[in-house]
């Protein structure tokens, strides 16, 4: 039985029981019904070492830092808590400052489908002495990482970041790919796909909260993790303490085409990077002006449209996958990241001239993820979450029209941001997307030129949540700020809030 049918059946049953109690005059109507989730909330946590074996590098690092790990049992379907169960994996660095202990701080690294078990290690560094006040909790979301992982057995990892291509024939290939990937997932995991959703991950978070013995969770979420935090506050009002959302993904911008609406921001990031590369023409040889660098990019994209670029002996980059390589390098304006993209583009330019090239370590890692089964699990998980949240049947022609409308203004990003995805062929979500109608005191952190989660989304949530405060970094083309951008102003402001629990009296700004 589907979730919606179970809910309808439950409601109908409740109405009948209420009517029966009224007519018989029994006291059953006033008796407290047992909580079907209570056995999950009250479960004993079996903390254990994190390393799963001699080759488990992450587990060994967690163990070396003094962390514990555990598997929390949760219902597969919260409408049927007596049915099948799954486990979600958590890690914990215990608070050391017992006098000022706040409680658990749950961490999410974004994605969707970003494993987060490692985060107590990385966030304890930027938090400094503040970390000692919290039990830092990393949690791999359901069906991700160590949490009953899902893998649809795809032979590529680029399901949601493929470009439509240059013409109708290329787009028809994309339709076939999307339909095939959706079908493979349905055949492999159709029994669980309705439950691979953000709302259920939020429900898992509340089971973790209760199992930890906490009345409320503090929370730090990046990117998609901000959306997960928003959903949690809506489903479980009053159960959050200190809350930081970095790279704010507001519900109205969360859709099955991940970058739709962010075309202009990414094209602007491309132009800014081109200016940076032009100033270093002596190092990278991509062009002495921004226009020349962009012409090099166009040459690479045009060559791939004519014939896939050969990189080493193992990889062929075609017009459907190549744009993701560029866009993947535009999420940060830090010199290190820009240099990585410039080095990659230098290799691609040679491949576009049909010269033999060997991939750098960074490019080889990207291509292995995008082009082979090595990316199947994370891509399957990301796709399943998004499609389980917001899948919408629009008709295959609608995507192509959107691609054509955006291509002239946004030649690199438009055909990718508006392309068809497997969600077009997914079953409709079991639950409607979450609508926020609450007000949460949270610290929202965003850069004005973030090319992934637009600043407009942070402004929208700030308006919806009057009790929140917005910390803005002006001029930064950066996705993910706290502890990731090296901005002392941001790190100090967030740490001050986590230390005291007091939001600033007004919105604040930091310079890039």
Protein backbone atom coordinates (compact mmCIF):
# COMPACT_ATOMS: atom_id res chain seq x y z
CA UNK A 1 0.00 0.00 0.00
CA UNK A 2 1.33 3.46 -0.88
CA UNK A 3 2.02 6.09 1.77
CA UNK A 4 -0.91 8.24 0.65
CA UNK A 5 -3.31 5.28 0.76
CA UNK A 6 -2.08 4.33 4.21
CA UNK A 7 -2.68 7.87 5.44
CA UNK A 8 -6.17 7.90 3.95
CA UNK A 9 -6.90 4.52 5.48
CA UNK A 10 -5.61 5.70 8.86
CA UNK A 11 -7.77 8.82 8.73
CA UNK A 12 -10.85 6.82 7.71
CA UNK A 13 -10.22 4.34 10.49
CA UNK A 14 -9.82 7.15 13.03
CA UNK A 15 -13.14 8.67 11.99
CA UNK A 16 -14.94 5.34 12.40
CA UNK A 17 -13.37 4.70 15.81
CA UNK A 18 -14.25 8.19 17.01
CA UNK A 19 -17.86 7.77 15.94
CA UNK A 20 -18.04 4.37 17.64
CA UNK A 21 -16.64 5.75 20.87
CA UNK A 22 -19.18 8.57 20.86
CA UNK A 23 -22.18 6.32 20.37
CA UNK A 24 -21.13 3.69 22.90
CA UNK A 25 -20.13 6.14 25.61
CA UNK A 26 -16.85 4.30 26.28
CA UNK A 27 -13.74 6.06 27.50
CA UNK A 28 -11.66 4.71 24.62
CA UNK A 29 -11.67 8.09 22.88
CA UNK A 30 -9.84 9.69 25.76
CA UNK A 31 -7.31 6.90 26.20
CA UNK A 32 -3.81 7.78 25.07
CA UNK A 33 -2.93 5.87 21.92
CA UNK A 34 0.50 4.25 21.98
CA UNK A 35 3.14 6.08 19.95
CA UNK A 36 4.15 3.73 17.11
CA UNK A 37 7.50 5.50 16.80
CA UNK A 38 8.31 5.20 20.52
CA UNK A 39 10.33 2.02 20.14
CA UNK A 40 12.65 3.82 17.72
CA UNK A 41 12.94 6.90 19.91
CA UNK A 42 13.83 4.81 22.94
CA UNK A 43 16.28 2.43 21.29
CA UNK A 44 19.61 1.72 22.91
CA UNK A 45 22.55 3.08 20.92
CA UNK A 46 25.39 0.59 20.55
CA UNK A 47 28.43 2.83 20.13
CA UNK A 48 31.41 1.10 18.56
CA UNK A 49 34.66 1.76 16.73
CA UNK A 50 34.22 3.49 13.36
CA UNK A 51 36.75 1.59 11.23
CA UNK A 52 35.14 -1.25 9.31
CA UNK A 53 38.46 -2.85 8.39
CA UNK A 54 42.10 -2.23 7.67
CA UNK A 55 41.31 -0.34 4.47
CA UNK A 56 38.71 2.00 5.99
CA UNK A 57 40.62 5.29 5.97
CA UNK A 58 37.69 7.41 7.15
CA UNK A 59 36.87 5.04 9.99
CA UNK A 60 40.48 5.03 11.09
CA UNK A 61 40.58 8.84 11.12
CA UNK A 62 37.41 8.96 13.20
CA UNK A 63 38.81 6.41 15.62
CA UNK A 64 42.09 8.30 15.90
CA UNK A 65 40.16 11.47 16.78
CA UNK A 66 38.30 9.66 19.56
CA UNK A 67 34.97 9.44 17.74
CA UNK A 68 32.35 6.71 18.16
CA UNK A 69 30.03 5.29 15.52
CA UNK A 70 26.62 3.60 15.65
CA UNK A 71 23.77 2.39 13.47
CA UNK A 72 20.33 3.75 14.28
CA UNK A 73 17.27 1.69 13.34
CA UNK A 74 14.48 3.64 11.63
CA UNK A 75 11.29 2.66 9.77
CA UNK A 76 11.56 2.38 6.02
CA UNK A 77 8.05 3.83 5.83
CA UNK A 78 6.98 6.10 8.68
CA UNK A 79 3.34 5.47 7.79
CA UNK A 80 3.99 1.81 8.63
CA UNK A 81 6.41 1.87 11.58
CA UNK A 82 5.70 -1.77 12.36
CA UNK A 83 6.99 -2.85 8.96
CA UNK A 84 10.40 -3.05 7.38
CA UNK A 85 13.29 -1.18 8.99
CA UNK A 86 16.61 0.17 7.75
CA UNK A 87 19.63 1.65 9.52
CA UNK A 88 21.30 5.04 9.31
CA UNK A 89 24.93 5.45 10.32
CA UNK A 90 26.05 8.19 12.69
CA UNK A 91 29.37 9.30 14.16
CA UNK A 92 29.98 11.28 17.33
CA UNK A 93 32.72 13.40 18.81
CA UNK A 94 31.61 13.88 22.42
CA UNK A 95 31.59 17.25 24.12
CA UNK A 96 34.60 17.89 26.30
CA UNK A 97 33.37 21.12 27.93
CA UNK A 98 30.84 19.57 30.29
CA UNK A 99 30.24 22.82 32.15
CA UNK A 100 29.02 24.62 29.01
CA UNK A 101 27.68 21.62 27.11
CA UNK A 102 24.88 22.57 24.70
CA UNK A 103 23.91 19.15 23.34
CA UNK A 104 24.07 17.43 19.94
CA UNK A 105 24.97 19.40 16.79
CA UNK A 106 23.87 17.43 13.73
CA UNK A 107 25.91 18.05 10.58
CA UNK A 108 24.98 17.67 6.91
CA UNK A 109 27.35 18.26 3.99
CA UNK A 110 24.74 18.79 1.28
CA UNK A 111 24.35 16.93 -1.98
CA UNK A 112 21.66 15.69 -2.08
CA UNK A 113 23.24 12.38 -1.08
CA UNK A 114 26.33 13.85 0.53
CA UNK A 115 27.81 11.45 3.10
CA UNK A 116 28.33 13.33 6.35
CA UNK A 117 29.89 10.81 8.70
CA UNK A 118 33.24 12.62 8.37
CA UNK A 119 31.98 16.05 9.38
CA UNK A 120 32.77 15.97 13.11
CA UNK A 121 36.43 15.88 12.04
CA UNK A 122 36.31 18.77 9.58
CA UNK A 123 33.96 21.04 11.53
CA UNK A 124 35.73 20.62 14.84
CA UNK A 125 38.72 22.36 13.23
CA UNK A 126 36.89 25.56 12.30
CA UNK A 127 34.83 25.54 15.50
CA UNK A 128 37.91 25.49 17.71
CA UNK A 129 37.08 25.64 21.42
CA UNK A 130 33.37 25.94 20.59
CA UNK A 131 33.40 22.33 19.38
CA UNK A 132 33.93 21.16 22.95
CA UNK A 133 30.45 22.38 23.91
CA UNK A 134 28.72 19.98 21.50
CA UNK A 135 28.38 16.34 20.75
CA UNK A 136 29.25 16.67 17.06
CA UNK A 137 27.05 14.21 15.12
CA UNK A 138 27.74 13.17 11.54
CA UNK A 139 24.93 11.27 9.82
CA UNK A 140 24.90 9.60 6.43
CA UNK A 141 21.33 10.20 5.17
CA UNK A 142 19.20 7.14 4.48
CA UNK A 143 20.42 5.11 1.47
CA UNK A 144 23.69 7.10 1.36
CA UNK A 145 27.19 6.13 2.43
CA UNK A 146 26.91 3.60 5.26
CA UNK A 147 23.16 4.07 5.71
CA UNK A 148 21.69 1.10 3.81
CA UNK A 149 23.25 2.41 0.57
CA UNK A 150 21.33 2.34 -2.70
CA UNK A 151 22.91 1.73 -6.12
CA UNK A 152 20.91 1.42 -9.33
CA UNK A 153 23.78 -0.19 -11.25
CA UNK A 154 24.25 2.64 -13.74
CA UNK A 155 27.30 2.76 -16.00
CA UNK A 156 27.76 6.49 -15.47
CA UNK A 157 27.56 9.03 -12.69
CA UNK A 158 26.25 12.03 -14.57
CA UNK A 159 22.50 11.46 -14.45
CA UNK A 160 21.60 14.97 -13.23
CA UNK A 161 24.44 16.97 -14.78
CA UNK A 162 24.15 16.04 -18.44
CA UNK A 163 23.76 18.60 -21.19
CA UNK A 164 21.09 18.39 -23.89
CA UNK A 165 23.59 18.69 -26.71
CA UNK A 166 23.63 20.83 -29.82
CA UNK A 167 20.63 19.58 -31.77
CA UNK A 168 17.41 17.54 -31.75
CA UNK A 169 19.19 14.26 -32.46
CA UNK A 170 21.51 14.79 -29.49
CA UNK A 171 18.54 15.63 -27.29
CA UNK A 172 16.72 12.47 -28.33
CA UNK A 173 19.74 10.56 -27.03
CA UNK A 174 19.31 12.33 -23.71
CA UNK A 175 15.66 11.33 -23.53
CA UNK A 176 16.66 7.71 -24.09
CA UNK A 177 19.38 7.90 -21.43
CA UNK A 178 17.02 9.44 -18.85
CA UNK A 179 14.32 6.85 -19.53
CA UNK A 180 16.84 4.00 -19.31
CA UNK A 181 18.33 5.22 -16.01
CA UNK A 182 14.90 5.62 -14.43
CA UNK A 183 13.92 2.14 -15.56
CA UNK A 184 17.06 0.59 -14.11
CA UNK A 185 16.43 2.23 -10.75
CA UNK A 186 12.81 1.06 -10.71
CA UNK A 187 13.82 -2.52 -11.49
CA UNK A 188 16.62 -2.56 -8.93
CA UNK A 189 14.97 -0.68 -6.04
CA UNK A 190 11.35 0.02 -6.85
CA UNK A 191 10.30 -1.28 -3.45
CA UNK A 192 12.19 1.45 -1.57
CA UNK A 193 12.26 4.41 -3.98
CA UNK A 194 9.08 5.99 -2.53
CA UNK A 195 10.89 6.34 0.81
CA UNK A 196 14.16 7.83 -0.46
CA UNK A 197 13.12 11.38 0.36
CA UNK A 198 14.16 14.46 2.27
CA UNK A 199 11.07 14.29 4.46
CA UNK A 200 11.98 10.78 5.59
CA UNK A 201 15.58 11.80 6.23
CA UNK A 202 14.22 14.61 8.42
CA UNK A 203 12.14 12.03 10.29
CA UNK A 204 15.30 9.95 10.73
CA UNK A 205 16.98 13.01 12.22
CA UNK A 206 14.27 13.20 14.83
CA UNK A 207 14.73 9.54 15.71
CA UNK A 208 18.44 10.26 16.15
CA UNK A 209 17.60 13.23 18.36
CA UNK A 210 15.36 11.15 20.59
CA UNK A 211 17.74 8.19 20.72
CA UNK A 212 20.48 10.58 21.85
CA UNK A 213 18.21 11.67 24.69
CA UNK A 214 18.00 15.28 23.51
CA UNK A 215 14.94 17.51 23.59
CA UNK A 216 16.26 19.57 20.66
CA UNK A 217 18.91 19.41 17.94
CA UNK A 218 21.36 22.08 16.96
CA UNK A 219 22.08 21.87 13.24
CA UNK A 220 24.64 22.92 10.64
CA UNK A 221 23.72 22.20 7.01
CA UNK A 222 25.35 23.21 3.75
CA UNK A 223 23.60 23.67 0.39
CA UNK A 224 21.01 20.87 0.09
CA UNK A 225 21.63 20.40 3.80
CA UNK A 226 19.99 23.78 4.33
CA UNK A 227 16.86 22.47 2.62
CA UNK A 228 16.96 19.35 4.78
CA UNK A 229 17.15 21.57 7.87
CA UNK A 230 14.21 23.64 6.66
CA UNK A 231 12.12 20.51 6.16
CA UNK A 232 13.04 19.31 9.66
CA UNK A 233 11.85 22.56 11.22
CA UNK A 234 8.54 22.28 9.40
CA UNK A 235 7.91 18.66 10.36
CA UNK A 236 9.17 19.03 13.95
CA UNK A 237 8.54 22.59 15.15
CA UNK A 238 10.27 23.60 18.34
CA UNK A 239 12.87 20.83 18.21
CA UNK A 240 15.81 22.92 17.00
CA UNK A 241 18.20 24.90 19.14
CA UNK A 242 21.08 26.68 17.34
CA UNK A 243 20.75 26.45 13.58
CA UNK A 244 23.17 27.48 10.82
CA UNK A 245 22.24 27.14 7.14
CA UNK A 246 25.18 27.82 4.79
CA UNK A 247 24.40 28.21 1.08
CA UNK A 248 20.66 28.54 1.51
CA UNK A 249 18.54 26.36 -0.75
CA UNK A 250 15.00 27.63 -0.33
CA UNK A 251 12.10 25.28 -1.19
CA UNK A 252 10.98 27.29 -4.23
CA UNK A 253 14.41 26.81 -5.82
CA UNK A 254 14.58 23.07 -5.12
CA UNK A 255 13.59 21.21 -8.29
CA UNK A 256 14.35 18.17 -10.43
CA UNK A 257 16.56 20.29 -12.70
CA UNK A 258 19.18 21.26 -10.16
CA UNK A 259 20.72 24.35 -11.76
CA UNK A 260 17.62 25.78 -13.43
CA UNK A 261 17.46 29.42 -12.43
CA UNK A 262 21.21 29.57 -11.78
CA UNK A 263 22.24 29.95 -15.43
CA UNK A 264 23.14 33.64 -15.17
CA UNK A 265 25.16 33.16 -11.98
CA UNK A 266 27.20 30.34 -13.50
CA UNK A 267 27.81 32.17 -16.79
CA UNK A 268 28.97 35.17 -14.75
CA UNK A 269 31.28 32.86 -12.81
CA UNK A 270 32.65 31.57 -16.13
CA UNK A 271 33.40 35.11 -17.29
CA UNK A 272 35.06 35.98 -13.99
CA UNK A 273 37.21 32.85 -14.20
CA UNK A 274 38.12 33.72 -17.81
CA UNK A 275 39.38 37.13 -16.66
CA UNK A 276 41.43 35.41 -13.95
CA UNK A 277 42.92 32.96 -16.47
CA UNK A 278 43.67 35.75 -18.96
CA UNK A 279 45.73 37.53 -16.30
CA UNK A 280 47.79 34.32 -16.10
CA UNK A 281 48.12 33.67 -19.81
CA UNK A 282 51.84 33.09 -19.36
CA UNK A 283 51.08 30.14 -17.10
CA UNK A 284 48.10 28.52 -18.82
CA UNK A 285 48.18 29.80 -22.40
CA UNK A 286 44.39 30.03 -22.70
CA UNK A 287 44.25 33.61 -24.00
CA UNK A 288 45.53 37.03 -23.02
CA UNK A 289 42.05 38.56 -22.68
CA UNK A 290 38.77 37.34 -21.28
CA UNK A 291 37.34 37.16 -24.79
CA UNK A 292 40.24 34.99 -25.93
CA UNK A 293 39.81 32.60 -22.99
CA UNK A 294 36.09 32.30 -23.67
CA UNK A 295 36.88 31.62 -27.32
CA UNK A 296 39.10 28.76 -26.16
CA UNK A 297 36.18 27.37 -24.16
CA UNK A 298 33.91 27.67 -27.20
CA UNK A 299 36.47 25.87 -29.33
CA UNK A 300 36.60 22.98 -26.86
CA UNK A 301 32.81 22.70 -26.67
CA UNK A 302 32.46 22.88 -30.45
CA UNK A 303 35.07 20.18 -31.01
CA UNK A 304 33.32 17.87 -28.55
CA UNK A 305 30.00 18.41 -30.37
CA UNK A 306 31.62 17.27 -33.60
CA UNK A 307 33.50 14.31 -32.10
CA UNK A 308 34.12 13.28 -28.46
CA UNK A 309 37.45 14.35 -27.01
CA UNK A 310 39.83 11.53 -26.21
CA UNK A 311 41.56 11.90 -22.86
CA UNK A 312 44.20 9.22 -22.32
CA UNK A 313 43.25 5.71 -23.40
CA UNK A 314 40.18 5.24 -21.24
CA UNK A 315 37.95 8.30 -21.59
CA UNK A 316 35.85 9.99 -24.26
CA UNK A 317 34.24 13.30 -23.35
CA UNK A 318 31.22 14.16 -25.48
CA UNK A 319 28.99 17.22 -25.63
CA UNK A 320 26.63 15.76 -23.05
CA UNK A 321 29.23 15.36 -20.28
CA UNK A 322 31.88 17.99 -21.04
CA UNK A 323 29.87 21.01 -19.76
CA UNK A 324 29.71 19.42 -16.31
CA UNK A 325 33.51 19.48 -16.17
CA UNK A 326 33.49 23.24 -16.68
CA UNK A 327 30.57 23.94 -14.36
CA UNK A 328 32.07 21.75 -11.65
CA UNK A 329 35.04 24.13 -11.52
CA UNK A 330 32.95 27.28 -11.13
CA UNK A 331 31.68 26.74 -7.59
CA UNK A 332 34.49 28.73 -5.98
CA UNK A 333 36.55 31.84 -6.73
CA UNK A 334 39.46 30.71 -4.59
CA UNK A 335 42.73 30.80 -6.53
CA UNK A 336 43.38 27.11 -5.89
CA UNK A 337 40.07 26.08 -7.45
CA UNK A 338 40.45 28.46 -10.37
CA UNK A 339 43.91 27.12 -11.04
CA UNK A 340 42.58 23.55 -11.11
CA UNK A 341 40.02 24.53 -13.74
CA UNK A 342 42.62 26.40 -15.80
CA UNK A 343 44.93 23.36 -15.80
CA UNK A 344 42.01 21.16 -16.88
CA UNK A 345 41.00 23.54 -19.68
CA UNK A 346 44.57 23.58 -20.95
CA UNK A 347 44.41 19.78 -21.33
CA UNK A 348 40.99 19.96 -22.95
CA UNK A 349 42.20 22.55 -25.46
CA UNK A 350 44.91 20.19 -26.62
CA UNK A 351 42.41 17.35 -26.85
CA UNK A 352 40.13 19.62 -28.91
CA UNK A 353 43.05 20.04 -31.32
CA UNK A 354 43.14 16.22 -31.45
CA UNK A 355 46.49 16.01 -29.71
CA UNK A 356 47.15 13.01 -27.45
CA UNK A 357 46.80 14.03 -23.79
CA UNK A 358 46.92 12.27 -20.47
CA UNK A 359 44.51 13.41 -17.76
CA UNK A 360 45.66 15.08 -14.59
CA UNK A 361 44.76 13.33 -11.36
CA UNK A 362 41.89 15.79 -10.82
CA UNK A 363 40.48 15.36 -14.33
CA UNK A 364 40.82 11.59 -14.18
CA UNK A 365 38.80 11.57 -10.97
CA UNK A 366 36.07 13.70 -12.55
CA UNK A 367 35.84 11.50 -15.63
CA UNK A 368 35.79 8.30 -13.63
CA UNK A 369 32.84 9.64 -11.69
CA UNK A 370 30.96 11.07 -14.68
CA UNK A 371 31.60 8.34 -17.23
CA UNK A 372 31.86 5.01 -15.40
CA UNK A 373 30.07 2.86 -12.87
CA UNK A 374 32.29 4.36 -10.16
CA UNK A 375 29.78 7.22 -9.99
CA UNK A 376 26.72 4.98 -10.04
CA UNK A 377 25.99 4.84 -6.31
CA UNK A 378 26.25 8.57 -5.47
CA UNK A 379 24.46 9.54 -8.69
CA UNK A 380 21.71 6.97 -8.05
CA UNK A 381 21.25 8.26 -4.53
CA UNK A 382 21.14 11.92 -5.53
CA UNK A 383 18.68 11.21 -8.31
CA UNK A 384 16.46 9.07 -6.11
CA UNK A 385 16.23 11.78 -3.44
CA UNK A 386 15.41 14.60 -5.85
CA UNK A 387 12.96 12.54 -7.88
CA UNK A 388 11.37 11.20 -4.70
CA UNK A 389 10.90 14.79 -3.51
CA UNK A 390 9.79 16.76 -6.55
CA UNK A 391 9.41 14.56 -9.67
CA UNK A 392 7.02 16.13 -12.14
CA UNK A 393 5.87 14.82 -15.51
CA UNK A 394 6.28 17.80 -17.83
CA UNK A 395 6.53 16.07 -21.20
CA UNK A 396 9.82 15.52 -23.02
CA UNK A 397 9.25 18.44 -25.37
CA UNK A 398 9.12 20.99 -22.55
CA UNK A 399 12.78 20.49 -21.66
CA UNK A 400 13.96 20.95 -25.23
CA UNK A 401 11.97 24.17 -25.55
CA UNK A 402 13.53 25.44 -22.32
CA UNK A 403 16.99 24.47 -23.57
CA UNK A 404 16.48 26.36 -26.82
CA UNK A 405 15.16 29.41 -25.01
CA UNK A 406 18.18 29.54 -22.70
CA UNK A 407 20.92 28.53 -25.13
CA UNK A 408 21.47 31.94 -26.74
CA UNK A 409 21.94 33.77 -23.44
CA UNK A 410 23.61 30.92 -21.56
CA UNK A 411 25.40 28.72 -24.12
CA UNK A 412 27.34 26.64 -21.58
CA UNK A 413 24.92 26.35 -18.68
CA UNK A 414 21.50 26.61 -20.33
CA UNK A 415 21.50 23.23 -22.12
CA UNK A 416 22.59 21.51 -18.89
CA UNK A 417 20.41 23.39 -16.41
CA UNK A 418 17.26 22.81 -18.48
CA UNK A 419 17.94 19.29 -19.73
CA UNK A 420 15.66 16.33 -19.13
CA UNK A 421 16.48 14.10 -16.14
CA UNK A 422 15.36 10.63 -15.02
CA UNK A 423 12.75 12.36 -12.84
CA UNK A 424 10.59 12.78 -15.95
CA UNK A 425 10.14 8.98 -15.92
CA UNK A 426 9.92 8.52 -12.14
CA UNK A 427 6.78 7.66 -10.19
CA UNK A 428 5.14 10.67 -8.62
CA UNK A 429 6.38 11.41 -5.08
CA UNK A 430 4.50 9.68 -2.28
CA UNK A 431 4.20 13.03 -0.46
CA UNK A 432 3.80 16.59 -1.66
CA UNK A 433 6.89 18.83 -1.46
CA UNK A 434 7.34 20.61 1.84
CA UNK A 435 5.89 24.10 2.12
CA UNK A 436 7.33 26.30 4.84
CA UNK A 437 4.89 28.36 6.88
CA UNK A 438 6.95 28.75 10.04
CA UNK A 439 9.45 31.15 11.56
CA UNK A 440 12.75 29.81 12.86
CA UNK A 441 15.56 31.70 14.61
CA UNK A 442 18.50 30.62 12.46
CA UNK A 443 21.73 32.07 11.12
CA UNK A 444 21.65 32.08 7.31
CA UNK A 445 24.99 32.36 5.49
CA UNK A 446 25.33 33.13 1.78
CA UNK A 447 27.58 34.81 -0.77
CA UNK A 448 25.99 37.34 -3.08
CA UNK A 449 27.38 35.61 -6.20
CA UNK A 450 27.04 31.98 -5.11
CA UNK A 451 26.59 30.07 -8.42
CA UNK A 452 24.88 27.09 -6.82
CA UNK A 453 22.44 28.33 -4.17
CA UNK A 454 21.47 31.80 -5.26
CA UNK A 455 21.56 34.74 -2.88
CA UNK A 456 17.91 35.37 -3.74
CA UNK A 457 17.06 32.10 -2.00
CA UNK A 458 18.74 33.28 1.20
CA UNK A 459 16.88 36.57 1.00
CA UNK A 460 13.58 34.74 0.48
CA UNK A 461 14.11 32.55 3.53
CA UNK A 462 15.20 35.55 5.59
CA UNK A 463 11.91 37.22 4.72
CA UNK A 464 9.93 34.08 5.52
CA UNK A 465 11.77 33.64 8.84
CA UNK A 466 11.73 37.10 10.48
CA UNK A 467 13.41 35.64 13.58
CA UNK A 468 16.45 34.60 11.53
CA UNK A 469 19.51 36.69 10.62
CA UNK A 470 21.39 36.77 7.32
CA UNK A 471 25.18 36.84 7.18
CA UNK A 472 26.18 38.02 3.69
CA UNK A 473 29.56 37.82 1.99
CA UNK A 474 29.55 40.50 -0.67
CA UNK A 475 31.24 39.83 -3.99
CA UNK A 476 32.16 36.20 -3.41
CA UNK A 477 31.48 33.60 -6.10
CA UNK A 478 31.66 30.86 -3.53
CA UNK A 479 29.41 27.97 -2.57
CA UNK A 480 29.99 26.99 1.06
CA UNK A 481 31.54 29.59 3.35
CA UNK A 482 31.88 28.59 7.02
CA UNK A 483 35.17 26.76 7.42
CA UNK A 484 35.53 26.45 3.64
CA UNK A 485 36.36 29.90 2.32
CA UNK A 486 39.05 30.99 4.74
CA UNK A 487 37.04 34.07 5.64
CA UNK A 488 37.82 34.94 9.25
CA UNK A 489 34.80 37.25 9.50
CA UNK A 490 32.39 34.44 8.59
CA UNK A 491 34.06 31.89 10.82
CA UNK A 492 34.10 34.23 13.81
CA UNK A 493 30.46 35.28 13.38
CA UNK A 494 29.22 31.70 13.12
CA UNK A 495 31.34 30.57 16.07
CA UNK A 496 30.03 33.45 18.18
CA UNK A 497 26.47 32.29 17.54
CA UNK A 498 27.30 28.65 18.22
CA UNK A 499 29.07 29.68 21.44
CA UNK A 500 26.35 31.87 22.90
CA UNK A 501 23.15 30.84 21.13
CA UNK A 502 22.39 34.52 20.57
CA UNK A 503 21.68 35.70 17.05
CA UNK A 504 23.01 39.11 16.01
CA UNK A 505 20.64 42.01 16.57
CA UNK A 506 20.62 42.68 12.82
CA UNK A 507 21.77 41.18 9.55
CA UNK A 508 25.55 41.25 9.09
CA UNK A 509 27.98 41.46 6.18
CA UNK A 510 31.50 40.25 5.54
CA UNK A 511 33.72 41.17 2.62
CA UNK A 512 35.03 38.52 0.23
